[in-house]
PDB file of N, CA and C in Angstrom:
ATOM      1  N   MET A   1      23.247  38.195-148.535  1.00  0.00           N
ATOM      2  CA  MET A   1      22.821  37.809-149.872  1.00  0.00           C
ATOM      3  C   MET A   1      22.479  36.317-149.882  1.00  0.00           C
ATOM      4  N   THR A   2      21.385  35.975-150.500  1.00  0.00           N
ATOM      5  CA  THR A   2      20.951  34.588-150.623  1.00  0.00           C
ATOM      6  C   THR A   2      21.158  34.128-152.060  1.00  0.00           C
ATOM      7  N   THR A   3      21.742  32.947-152.205  1.00  0.00           N
ATOM      8  CA  THR A   3      21.905  32.366-153.539  1.00  0.00           C
ATOM      9  C   THR A   3      21.266  30.985-153.556  1.00  0.00           C
ATOM     10  N   THR A   4      20.854  30.549-154.713  1.00  0.00           N
ATOM     11  CA  THR A   4      20.252  29.232-154.866  1.00  0.00           C
ATOM     12  C   THR A   4      21.343  28.206-155.104  1.00  0.00           C
ATOM     13  N   ARG A   5      21.332  27.146-154.307  1.00  0.00           N
ATOM     14  CA  ARG A   5      22.309  26.068-154.435  1.00  0.00           C
ATOM     15  C   ARG A   5      21.792  24.990-155.380  1.00  0.00           C
ATOM     16  N   HIS A   6      20.550  24.539-155.140  1.00  0.00           N
ATOM     17  CA  HIS A   6      19.984  23.521-156.016  1.00  0.00           C
ATOM     18  C   HIS A   6      18.463  23.535-155.943  1.00  0.00           C
ATOM     19  N   VAL A   7      17.860  22.917-156.952  1.00  0.00           N
ATOM     20  CA  VAL A   7      16.432  22.626-156.962  1.00  0.00           C
ATOM     21  C   VAL A   7      16.309  21.110-157.023  1.00  0.00           C
ATOM     22  N   SER A   8      15.180  20.585-156.581  1.00  0.00           N
ATOM     23  CA  SER A   8      15.019  19.142-156.506  1.00  0.00           C
ATOM     24  C   SER A   8      13.696  18.721-157.125  1.00  0.00           C
ATOM     25  N   PHE A   9      13.728  17.611-157.856  1.00  0.00           N
ATOM     26  CA  PHE A   9      12.535  17.059-158.470  1.00  0.00           C
ATOM     27  C   PHE A   9      12.471  15.566-158.205  1.00  0.00           C
ATOM     28  N   SER A  10      11.292  15.077-157.843  1.00  0.00           N
ATOM     29  CA  SER A  10      11.068  13.640-157.726  1.00  0.00           C
ATOM     30  C   SER A  10      10.766  13.102-159.121  1.00  0.00           C
ATOM     31  N   VAL A  11      11.328  11.937-159.429  1.00  0.00           N
ATOM     32  CA  VAL A  11      11.129  11.331-160.748  1.00  0.00           C
ATOM     33  C   VAL A  11      10.713   9.879-160.583  1.00  0.00           C
ATOM     34  N   THR A  12      10.087   9.317-161.602  1.00  0.00           N
ATOM     35  CA  THR A  12       9.648   7.926-161.520  1.00  0.00           C
ATOM     36  C   THR A  12      10.726   6.941-161.956  1.00  0.00           C
ATOM     37  N   ASN A  13      11.704   7.415-162.740  1.00  0.00           N
ATOM     38  CA  ASN A  13      12.756   6.525-163.228  1.00  0.00           C
ATOM     39  C   ASN A  13      14.044   7.345-163.334  1.00  0.00           C
ATOM     40  N   LEU A  14      14.927   7.188-162.358  1.00  0.00           N
ATOM     41  CA  LEU A  14      16.136   8.007-162.316  1.00  0.00           C
ATOM     42  C   LEU A  14      17.037   7.753-163.520  1.00  0.00           C
ATOM     43  N   GLU A  15      17.221   6.511-163.902  1.00  0.00           N
ATOM     44  CA  GLU A  15      18.122   6.206-165.014  1.00  0.00           C
ATOM     45  C   GLU A  15      17.652   6.871-166.299  1.00  0.00           C
ATOM     46  N   ARG A  16      16.363   6.765-166.596  1.00  0.00           N
ATOM     47  CA  ARG A  16      15.813   7.376-167.813  1.00  0.00           C
ATOM     48  C   ARG A  16      15.937   8.902-167.759  1.00  0.00           C
ATOM     49  N   THR A  17      15.692   9.474-166.591  1.00  0.00           N
ATOM     50  CA  THR A  17      15.780  10.927-166.442  1.00  0.00           C
ATOM     51  C   THR A  17      17.218  11.408-166.608  1.00  0.00           C
ATOM     52  N   VAL A  18      18.163  10.695-166.016  1.00  0.00           N
ATOM     53  CA  VAL A  18      19.581  11.057-166.147  1.00  0.00           C
ATOM     54  C   VAL A  18      20.006  10.965-167.610  1.00  0.00           C
ATOM     55  N   GLU A  19      19.569   9.930-168.324  1.00  0.00           N
ATOM     56  CA  GLU A  19      19.881   9.807-169.750  1.00  0.00           C
ATOM     57  C   GLU A  19      19.387  11.029-170.519  1.00  0.00           C
ATOM     58  N   PHE A  20      18.195  11.523-170.197  1.00  0.00           N
ATOM     59  CA  PHE A  20      17.654  12.708-170.854  1.00  0.00           C
ATOM     60  C   PHE A  20      18.562  13.920-170.613  1.00  0.00           C
ATOM     61  N   TYR A  21      18.942  14.153-169.371  1.00  0.00           N
ATOM     62  CA  TYR A  21      19.781  15.309-169.058  1.00  0.00           C
ATOM     63  C   TYR A  21      21.154  15.208-169.722  1.00  0.00           C
ATOM     64  N   ILE A  22      21.699  13.996-169.833  1.00  0.00           N
ATOM     65  CA  ILE A  22      23.006  13.806-170.461  1.00  0.00           C
ATOM     66  C   ILE A  22      22.891  13.812-171.988  1.00  0.00           C
ATOM     67  N   ASP A  23      22.069  12.904-172.533  1.00  0.00           N
ATOM     68  CA  ASP A  23      22.026  12.677-173.975  1.00  0.00           C
ATOM     69  C   ASP A  23      21.292  13.760-174.751  1.00  0.00           C
ATOM     70  N   VAL A  24      20.214  14.286-174.196  1.00  0.00           N
ATOM     71  CA  VAL A  24      19.411  15.275-174.920  1.00  0.00           C
ATOM     72  C   VAL A  24      19.888  16.693-174.625  1.00  0.00           C
ATOM     73  N   LEU A  25      20.086  17.002-173.348  1.00  0.00           N
ATOM     74  CA  LEU A  25      20.464  18.366-172.979  1.00  0.00           C
ATOM     75  C   LEU A  25      21.968  18.572-172.894  1.00  0.00           C
ATOM     76  N   GLY A  26      22.736  17.482-172.844  1.00  0.00           N
ATOM     77  CA  GLY A  26      24.193  17.596-172.812  1.00  0.00           C
ATOM     78  C   GLY A  26      24.748  18.127-171.502  1.00  0.00           C
ATOM     79  N   LEU A  27      24.033  17.909-170.409  1.00  0.00           N
ATOM     80  CA  LEU A  27      24.477  18.409-169.103  1.00  0.00           C
ATOM     81  C   LEU A  27      25.288  17.352-168.364  1.00  0.00           C
ATOM     82  N   PRO A  28      26.257  17.770-167.579  1.00  0.00           N
ATOM     83  CA  PRO A  28      27.072  16.804-166.840  1.00  0.00           C
ATOM     84  C   PRO A  28      26.394  16.342-165.549  1.00  0.00           C
ATOM     85  N   ILE A  29      26.570  15.065-165.242  1.00  0.00           N
ATOM     86  CA  ILE A  29      26.131  14.508-163.965  1.00  0.00           C
ATOM     87  C   ILE A  29      27.276  14.697-162.987  1.00  0.00           C
ATOM     88  N   LEU A  30      26.991  15.278-161.841  1.00  0.00           N
ATOM     89  CA  LEU A  30      28.022  15.517-160.837  1.00  0.00           C
ATOM     90  C   LEU A  30      28.232  14.293-159.954  1.00  0.00           C
ATOM     91  N   ILE A  31      27.137  13.689-159.526  1.00  0.00           N
ATOM     92  CA  ILE A  31      27.215  12.532-158.643  1.00  0.00           C
ATOM     93  C   ILE A  31      25.895  11.782-158.716  1.00  0.00           C
ATOM     94  N   GLN A  32      25.980  10.483-158.516  1.00  0.00           N
ATOM     95  CA  GLN A  32      24.785   9.643-158.478  1.00  0.00           C
ATOM     96  C   GLN A  32      24.991   8.616-157.382  1.00  0.00           C
ATOM     97  N   PHE A  33      23.978   8.419-156.522  1.00  0.00           N
ATOM     98  CA  PHE A  33      24.127   7.495-155.401  1.00  0.00           C
ATOM     99  C   PHE A  33      22.768   7.010-154.910  1.00  0.00           C
ATOM    100  N   ARG A  34      22.810   5.990-154.065  1.00  0.00           N
ATOM    101  CA  ARG A  34      21.606   5.463-153.413  1.00  0.00           C
ATOM    102  C   ARG A  34      21.747   5.704-151.921  1.00  0.00           C
ATOM    103  N   ASN A  35      20.662   6.119-151.302  1.00  0.00           N
ATOM    104  CA  ASN A  35      20.663   6.444-149.888  1.00  0.00           C
ATOM    105  C   ASN A  35      19.536   5.663-149.225  1.00  0.00           C
ATOM    106  N   LYS A  36      19.881   4.817-148.264  1.00  0.00           N
ATOM    107  CA  LYS A  36      18.879   3.982-147.608  1.00  0.00           C
ATOM    108  C   LYS A  36      19.316   3.748-146.171  1.00  0.00           C
ATOM    109  N   TYR A  37      18.477   4.153-145.230  1.00  0.00           N
ATOM    110  CA  TYR A  37      18.684   3.753-143.845  1.00  0.00           C
ATOM    111  C   TYR A  37      17.414   3.966-143.043  1.00  0.00           C
ATOM    112  N   HIS A  38      17.375   3.358-141.884  1.00  0.00           N
ATOM    113  CA  HIS A  38      16.124   3.223-141.137  1.00  0.00           C
ATOM    114  C   HIS A  38      15.563   4.508-140.554  1.00  0.00           C
ATOM    115  N   THR A  39      16.318   5.587-140.453  1.00  0.00           N
ATOM    116  CA  THR A  39      15.755   6.843-139.939  1.00  0.00           C
ATOM    117  C   THR A  39      15.671   7.932-141.018  1.00  0.00           C
ATOM    118  N   LEU A  40      16.003   7.598-142.253  1.00  0.00           N
ATOM    119  CA  LEU A  40      15.986   8.590-143.328  1.00  0.00           C
ATOM    120  C   LEU A  40      14.587   9.156-143.554  1.00  0.00           C
ATOM    121  N   GLY A  41      13.558   8.339-143.422  1.00  0.00           N
ATOM    122  CA  GLY A  41      12.185   8.810-143.591  1.00  0.00           C
ATOM    123  C   GLY A  41      11.835   9.887-142.585  1.00  0.00           C
ATOM    124  N   ASP A  42      12.239   9.700-141.338  1.00  0.00           N
ATOM    125  CA  ASP A  42      11.981  10.728-140.316  1.00  0.00           C
ATOM    126  C   ASP A  42      12.694  12.030-140.675  1.00  0.00           C
ATOM    127  N   ILE A  43      13.903  11.917-141.201  1.00  0.00           N
ATOM    128  CA  ILE A  43      14.671  13.106-141.566  1.00  0.00           C
ATOM    129  C   ILE A  43      14.036  13.814-142.766  1.00  0.00           C
ATOM    130  N   LEU A  44      13.629  13.062-143.780  1.00  0.00           N
ATOM    131  CA  LEU A  44      13.074  13.655-144.998  1.00  0.00           C
ATOM    132  C   LEU A  44      11.645  14.153-144.825  1.00  0.00           C
ATOM    133  N   PHE A  45      10.821  13.350-144.173  1.00  0.00           N
ATOM    134  CA  PHE A  45       9.393  13.637-144.122  1.00  0.00           C
ATOM    135  C   PHE A  45       8.929  14.185-142.780  1.00  0.00           C
ATOM    136  N   GLY A  46       9.721  13.935-141.750  1.00  0.00           N
ATOM    137  CA  GLY A  46       9.333  14.366-140.416  1.00  0.00           C
ATOM    138  C   GLY A  46       8.115  13.610-139.923  1.00  0.00           C
ATOM    139  N   THR A  47       7.718  13.858-138.717  1.00  0.00           N
ATOM    140  CA  THR A  47       6.531  13.210-138.159  1.00  0.00           C
ATOM    141  C   THR A  47       5.475  14.246-137.786  1.00  0.00           C
ATOM    142  N   ARG A  48       5.790  15.482-137.988  1.00  0.00           N
ATOM    143  CA  ARG A  48       4.910  16.584-137.601  1.00  0.00           C
ATOM    144  C   ARG A  48       3.543  16.537-138.285  1.00  0.00           C
ATOM    145  N   TRP A  49       3.483  16.028-139.515  1.00  0.00           N
ATOM    146  CA  TRP A  49       2.239  16.014-140.285  1.00  0.00           C
ATOM    147  C   TRP A  49       1.606  14.621-140.306  1.00  0.00           C
ATOM    148  N   GLY A  50       1.920  13.812-139.313  1.00  0.00           N
ATOM    149  CA  GLY A  50       1.304  12.495-139.214  1.00  0.00           C
ATOM    150  C   GLY A  50       1.949  11.432-140.070  1.00  0.00           C
ATOM    151  N   ASN A  51       3.111  11.728-140.633  1.00  0.00           N
ATOM    152  CA  ASN A  51       3.807  10.733-141.442  1.00  0.00           C
ATOM    153  C   ASN A  51       4.392   9.670-140.522  1.00  0.00           C
ATOM    154  N   ASN A  52       4.126   8.445-140.847  1.00  0.00           N
ATOM    155  CA  ASN A  52       4.670   7.350-140.057  1.00  0.00           C
ATOM    156  C   ASN A  52       5.468   6.438-140.977  1.00  0.00           C
ATOM    157  N   HIS A  53       6.529   6.979-141.530  1.00  0.00           N
ATOM    158  CA  HIS A  53       7.386   6.219-142.455  1.00  0.00           C
ATOM    159  C   HIS A  53       8.840   6.508-142.085  1.00  0.00           C
ATOM    160  N   PRO A  54       9.323   5.898-140.997  1.00  0.00           N
ATOM    161  CA  PRO A  54      10.658   6.262-140.494  1.00  0.00           C
ATOM    162  C   PRO A  54      11.807   5.900-141.435  1.00  0.00           C
ATOM    163  N   GLN A  55      11.673   4.829-142.216  1.00  0.00           N
ATOM    164  CA  GLN A  55      12.749   4.452-143.123  1.00  0.00           C
ATOM    165  C   GLN A  55      12.511   5.066-144.489  1.00  0.00           C
ATOM    166  N   ALA A  56      13.548   5.117-145.292  1.00  0.00           N
ATOM    167  CA  ALA A  56      13.420   5.571-146.675  1.00  0.00           C
ATOM    168  C   ALA A  56      14.558   4.970-147.493  1.00  0.00           C
ATOM    169  N   ASP A  57      14.300   4.820-148.768  1.00  0.00           N
ATOM    170  CA  ASP A  57      15.269   4.292-149.717  1.00  0.00           C
ATOM    171  C   ASP A  57      15.097   5.103-150.995  1.00  0.00           C
ATOM    172  N   LEU A  58      16.158   5.776-151.420  1.00  0.00           N
ATOM    173  CA  LEU A  58      16.034   6.597-152.613  1.00  0.00           C
ATOM    174  C   LEU A  58      17.318   6.608-153.419  1.00  0.00           C
ATOM    175  N   LYS A  59      17.135   6.824-154.728  1.00  0.00           N
ATOM    176  CA  LYS A  59      18.257   6.997-155.638  1.00  0.00           C
ATOM    177  C   LYS A  59      18.298   8.469-156.022  1.00  0.00           C
ATOM    178  N   THR A  60      19.487   9.033-156.042  1.00  0.00           N
ATOM    179  CA  THR A  60      19.653  10.461-156.269  1.00  0.00           C
ATOM    180  C   THR A  60      20.750  10.730-157.286  1.00  0.00           C
ATOM    181  N   ALA A  61      20.557  11.759-158.097  1.00  0.00           N
ATOM    182  CA  ALA A  61      21.597  12.249-158.998  1.00  0.00           C
ATOM    183  C   ALA A  61      21.567  13.773-158.966  1.00  0.00           C
ATOM    184  N   PHE A  62      22.739  14.377-159.088  1.00  0.00           N
ATOM    185  CA  PHE A  62      22.856  15.825-159.208  1.00  0.00           C
ATOM    186  C   PHE A  62      23.396  16.144-160.598  1.00  0.00           C
ATOM    187  N   VAL A  63      22.707  17.045-161.295  1.00  0.00           N
ATOM    188  CA  VAL A  63      23.075  17.490-162.626  1.00  0.00           C
ATOM    189  C   VAL A  63      23.493  18.954-162.526  1.00  0.00           C
ATOM    190  N   GLN A  64      24.568  19.324-163.232  1.00  0.00           N
ATOM    191  CA  GLN A  64      25.027  20.711-163.207  1.00  0.00           C
ATOM    192  C   GLN A  64      24.337  21.501-164.310  1.00  0.00           C
ATOM    193  N   LEU A  65      23.663  22.571-163.926  1.00  0.00           N
ATOM    194  CA  LEU A  65      22.977  23.447-164.859  1.00  0.00           C
ATOM    195  C   LEU A  65      23.475  24.858-164.597  1.00  0.00           C
ATOM    196  N   THR A  66      24.433  25.310-165.380  1.00  0.00           N
ATOM    197  CA  THR A  66      25.134  26.585-165.168  1.00  0.00           C
ATOM    198  C   THR A  66      25.566  26.678-163.705  1.00  0.00           C
ATOM    199  N   ASP A  67      25.092  27.681-162.966  1.00  0.00           N
ATOM    200  CA  ASP A  67      25.477  27.832-161.560  1.00  0.00           C
ATOM    201  C   ASP A  67      24.542  27.104-160.607  1.00  0.00           C
ATOM    202  N   LEU A  68      23.614  26.366-161.132  1.00  0.00           N
ATOM    203  CA  LEU A  68      22.593  25.699-160.333  1.00  0.00           C
ATOM    204  C   LEU A  68      22.711  24.192-160.485  1.00  0.00           C
ATOM    205  N   MET A  69      22.566  23.480-159.373  1.00  0.00           N
ATOM    206  CA  MET A  69      22.509  22.020-159.443  1.00  0.00           C
ATOM    207  C   MET A  69      21.044  21.600-159.429  1.00  0.00           C
ATOM    208  N   VAL A  70      20.723  20.592-160.235  1.00  0.00           N
ATOM    209  CA  VAL A  70      19.391  20.010-160.246  1.00  0.00           C
ATOM    210  C   VAL A  70      19.514  18.636-159.594  1.00  0.00           C
ATOM    211  N   GLN A  71      18.762  18.445-158.510  1.00  0.00           N
ATOM    212  CA  GLN A  71      18.759  17.158-157.807  1.00  0.00           C
ATOM    213  C   GLN A  71      17.553  16.366-158.295  1.00  0.00           C
ATOM    214  N   LEU A  72      17.796  15.133-158.714  1.00  0.00           N
ATOM    215  CA  LEU A  72      16.747  14.246-159.181  1.00  0.00           C
ATOM    216  C   LEU A  72      16.659  13.083-158.198  1.00  0.00           C
ATOM    217  N   ILE A  73      15.466  12.795-157.702  1.00  0.00           N
ATOM    218  CA  ILE A  73      15.294  11.747-156.694  1.00  0.00           C
ATOM    219  C   ILE A  73      14.219  10.765-157.144  1.00  0.00           C
ATOM    220  N   GLU A  74      14.573   9.476-157.129  1.00  0.00           N
ATOM    221  CA  GLU A  74      13.588   8.421-157.327  1.00  0.00           C
ATOM    222  C   GLU A  74      13.390   7.731-155.982  1.00  0.00           C
ATOM    223  N   TYR A  75      12.183   7.811-155.461  1.00  0.00           N
ATOM    224  CA  TYR A  75      11.867   7.153-154.202  1.00  0.00           C
ATOM    225  C   TYR A  75      11.553   5.686-154.452  1.00  0.00           C
ATOM    226  N   ILE A  76      12.311   4.818-153.791  1.00  0.00           N
ATOM    227  CA  ILE A  76      12.075   3.384-153.856  1.00  0.00           C
ATOM    228  C   ILE A  76      11.121   2.995-152.723  1.00  0.00           C
ATOM    229  N   ASP A  77      11.383   3.549-151.527  1.00  0.00           N
ATOM    230  CA  ASP A  77      10.540   3.328-150.353  1.00  0.00           C
ATOM    231  C   ASP A  77      10.512   4.611-149.542  1.00  0.00           C
ATOM    232  N   PRO A  78       9.418   5.317-149.460  1.00  0.00           N
ATOM    233  CA  PRO A  78       8.109   4.951-149.998  1.00  0.00           C
ATOM    234  C   PRO A  78       8.112   5.024-151.529  1.00  0.00           C
ATOM    235  N   LYS A  79       7.285   4.194-152.126  1.00  0.00           N
ATOM    236  CA  LYS A  79       7.230   4.093-153.579  1.00  0.00           C
ATOM    237  C   LYS A  79       6.803   5.421-154.196  1.00  0.00           C
ATOM    238  N   VAL A  80       7.512   5.802-155.233  1.00  0.00           N
ATOM    239  CA  VAL A  80       7.206   7.043-155.943  1.00  0.00           C
ATOM    240  C   VAL A  80       5.795   6.974-156.532  1.00  0.00           C
ATOM    241  N   THR A  81       5.109   8.087-156.514  1.00  0.00           N
ATOM    242  CA  THR A  81       3.798   8.207-157.135  1.00  0.00           C
ATOM    243  C   THR A  81       3.975   8.988-158.438  1.00  0.00           C
ATOM    244  N   PRO A  82       3.504   8.459-159.560  1.00  0.00           N
ATOM    245  CA  PRO A  82       3.667   9.168-160.829  1.00  0.00           C
ATOM    246  C   PRO A  82       3.012  10.551-160.799  1.00  0.00           C
ATOM    247  N   TYR A  83       3.514  11.448-161.625  1.00  0.00           N
ATOM    248  CA  TYR A  83       3.020  12.816-161.715  1.00  0.00           C
ATOM    249  C   TYR A  83       1.546  12.820-162.098  1.00  0.00           C
ATOM    250  N   HIS A  84       0.773  13.641-161.462  1.00  0.00           N
ATOM    251  CA  HIS A  84      -0.670  13.729-161.664  1.00  0.00           C
ATOM    252  C   HIS A  84      -1.051  14.461-162.950  1.00  0.00           C
ATOM    253  N   LYS A  85      -0.107  15.107-163.611  1.00  0.00           N
ATOM    254  CA  LYS A  85      -0.283  15.799-164.901  1.00  0.00           C
ATOM    255  C   LYS A  85      -1.276  16.960-164.826  1.00  0.00           C
ATOM    256  N   ASN A  86      -1.350  17.596-163.659  1.00  0.00           N
ATOM    257  CA  ASN A  86      -2.202  18.757-163.499  1.00  0.00           C
ATOM    258  C   ASN A  86      -1.359  19.875-162.917  1.00  0.00           C
ATOM    259  N   ALA A  87      -0.920  20.787-163.775  1.00  0.00           N
ATOM    260  CA  ALA A  87      -0.015  21.857-163.352  1.00  0.00           C
ATOM    261  C   ALA A  87      -0.651  22.829-162.368  1.00  0.00           C
ATOM    262  N   SER A  88      -1.967  22.784-162.197  1.00  0.00           N
ATOM    263  CA  SER A  88      -2.622  23.707-161.269  1.00  0.00           C
ATOM    264  C   SER A  88      -2.546  23.230-159.818  1.00  0.00           C
ATOM    265  N   ILE A  89      -2.079  22.001-159.583  1.00  0.00           N
ATOM    266  CA  ILE A  89      -1.961  21.480-158.227  1.00  0.00           C
ATOM    267  C   ILE A  89      -0.706  22.048-157.582  1.00  0.00           C
ATOM    268  N   ALA A  90      -0.867  22.595-156.387  1.00  0.00           N
ATOM    269  CA  ALA A  90       0.271  23.180-155.668  1.00  0.00           C
ATOM    270  C   ALA A  90       1.381  22.148-155.529  1.00  0.00           C
ATOM    271  N   GLY A  91       2.603  22.603-155.707  1.00  0.00           N
ATOM    272  CA  GLY A  91       3.760  21.712-155.649  1.00  0.00           C
ATOM    273  C   GLY A  91       4.247  21.287-157.026  1.00  0.00           C
ATOM    274  N   SER A  92       3.417  21.489-158.040  1.00  0.00           N
ATOM    275  CA  SER A  92       3.850  21.171-159.403  1.00  0.00           C
ATOM    276  C   SER A  92       4.973  22.130-159.789  1.00  0.00           C
ATOM    277  N   ALA A  93       5.885  21.669-160.609  1.00  0.00           N
ATOM    278  CA  ALA A  93       7.017  22.506-160.986  1.00  0.00           C
ATOM    279  C   ALA A  93       7.515  22.091-162.370  1.00  0.00           C
ATOM    280  N   HIS A  94       8.358  22.929-162.939  1.00  0.00           N
ATOM    281  CA  HIS A  94       9.009  22.586-164.203  1.00  0.00           C
ATOM    282  C   HIS A  94      10.277  23.410-164.350  1.00  0.00           C
ATOM    283  N   LEU A  95      11.151  22.966-165.238  1.00  0.00           N
ATOM    284  CA  LEU A  95      12.332  23.716-165.643  1.00  0.00           C
ATOM    285  C   LEU A  95      12.167  24.067-167.112  1.00  0.00           C
ATOM    286  N   GLY A  96      12.557  25.253-167.482  1.00  0.00           N
ATOM    287  CA  GLY A  96      12.519  25.653-168.881  1.00  0.00           C
ATOM    288  C   GLY A  96      13.943  25.799-169.409  1.00  0.00           C
ATOM    289  N   PHE A  97      14.167  25.341-170.641  1.00  0.00           N
ATOM    290  CA  PHE A  97      15.494  25.393-171.253  1.00  0.00           C
ATOM    291  C   PHE A  97      15.416  26.093-172.603  1.00  0.00           C
ATOM    292  N   ASN A  98      16.439  26.848-172.927  1.00  0.00           N
ATOM    293  CA  ASN A  98      16.631  27.344-174.287  1.00  0.00           C
ATOM    294  C   ASN A  98      17.530  26.344-174.991  1.00  0.00           C
ATOM    295  N   VAL A  99      17.129  25.917-176.173  1.00  0.00           N
ATOM    296  CA  VAL A  99      17.950  25.006-176.971  1.00  0.00           C
ATOM    297  C   VAL A  99      18.154  25.641-178.342  1.00  0.00           C
ATOM    298  N   ASP A 100      19.213  25.249-179.019  1.00  0.00           N
ATOM    299  CA  ASP A 100      19.525  25.816-180.320  1.00  0.00           C
ATOM    300  C   ASP A 100      18.503  25.422-181.385  1.00  0.00           C
ATOM    301  N   ASN A 101      18.035  24.167-181.335  1.00  0.00           N
ATOM    302  CA  ASN A 101      17.117  23.671-182.359  1.00  0.00           C
ATOM    303  C   ASN A 101      16.099  22.754-181.675  1.00  0.00           C
ATOM    304  N   ILE A 102      14.877  23.245-181.473  1.00  0.00           N
ATOM    305  CA  ILE A 102      13.862  22.480-180.738  1.00  0.00           C
ATOM    306  C   ILE A 102      13.476  21.192-181.453  1.00  0.00           C
ATOM    307  N   GLU A 103      13.421  21.208-182.783  1.00  0.00           N
ATOM    308  CA  GLU A 103      13.056  19.987-183.521  1.00  0.00           C
ATOM    309  C   GLU A 103      14.126  18.917-183.346  1.00  0.00           C
ATOM    310  N   GLU A 104      15.376  19.309-183.479  1.00  0.00           N
ATOM    311  CA  GLU A 104      16.495  18.373-183.302  1.00  0.00           C
ATOM    312  C   GLU A 104      16.521  17.822-181.879  1.00  0.00           C
ATOM    313  N   THR A 105      16.330  18.692-180.922  1.00  0.00           N
ATOM    314  CA  THR A 105      16.325  18.262-179.530  1.00  0.00           C
ATOM    315  C   THR A 105      15.155  17.330-179.270  1.00  0.00           C
ATOM    316  N   SER A 106      13.996  17.644-179.808  1.00  0.00           N
ATOM    317  CA  SER A 106      12.811  16.815-179.616  1.00  0.00           C
ATOM    318  C   SER A 106      12.999  15.411-180.207  1.00  0.00           C
ATOM    319  N   GLU A 107      13.710  15.307-181.318  1.00  0.00           N
ATOM    320  CA  GLU A 107      13.949  14.004-181.939  1.00  0.00           C
ATOM    321  C   GLU A 107      14.812  13.098-181.057  1.00  0.00           C
ATOM    322  N   LYS A 108      15.605  13.674-180.168  1.00  0.00           N
ATOM    323  CA  LYS A 108      16.456  12.885-179.287  1.00  0.00           C
ATOM    324  C   LYS A 108      15.688  12.230-178.147  1.00  0.00           C
ATOM    325  N   THR A 109      14.469  12.705-177.881  1.00  0.00           N
ATOM    326  CA  THR A 109      13.699  12.158-176.753  1.00  0.00           C
ATOM    327  C   THR A 109      12.935  10.924-177.104  1.00  0.00           C
TER     328      THR A 109
END
């Protein structure tokens, strides 16, 4: 049997994103940390596809969503690229939430 442990999303501003998950959605943060070392880029991106970025620096937070953890990553190096805002591009993703009152929740953002 296969179960899902977590999903991961790259974000442009980890602090702002974490505030949204805590303040608007009321979800708990499990852990938040920064990860930086000279071979992290090779581990994350590999070199198989011509990537030549052996180092990496990123900030990460894990949010608990029922039985699923949501991993949020802000890339410091290489610098994060903002979302292209085109859902038809492969790799685009989203999470959907049920909330008790959409207007009230929307006012919190």
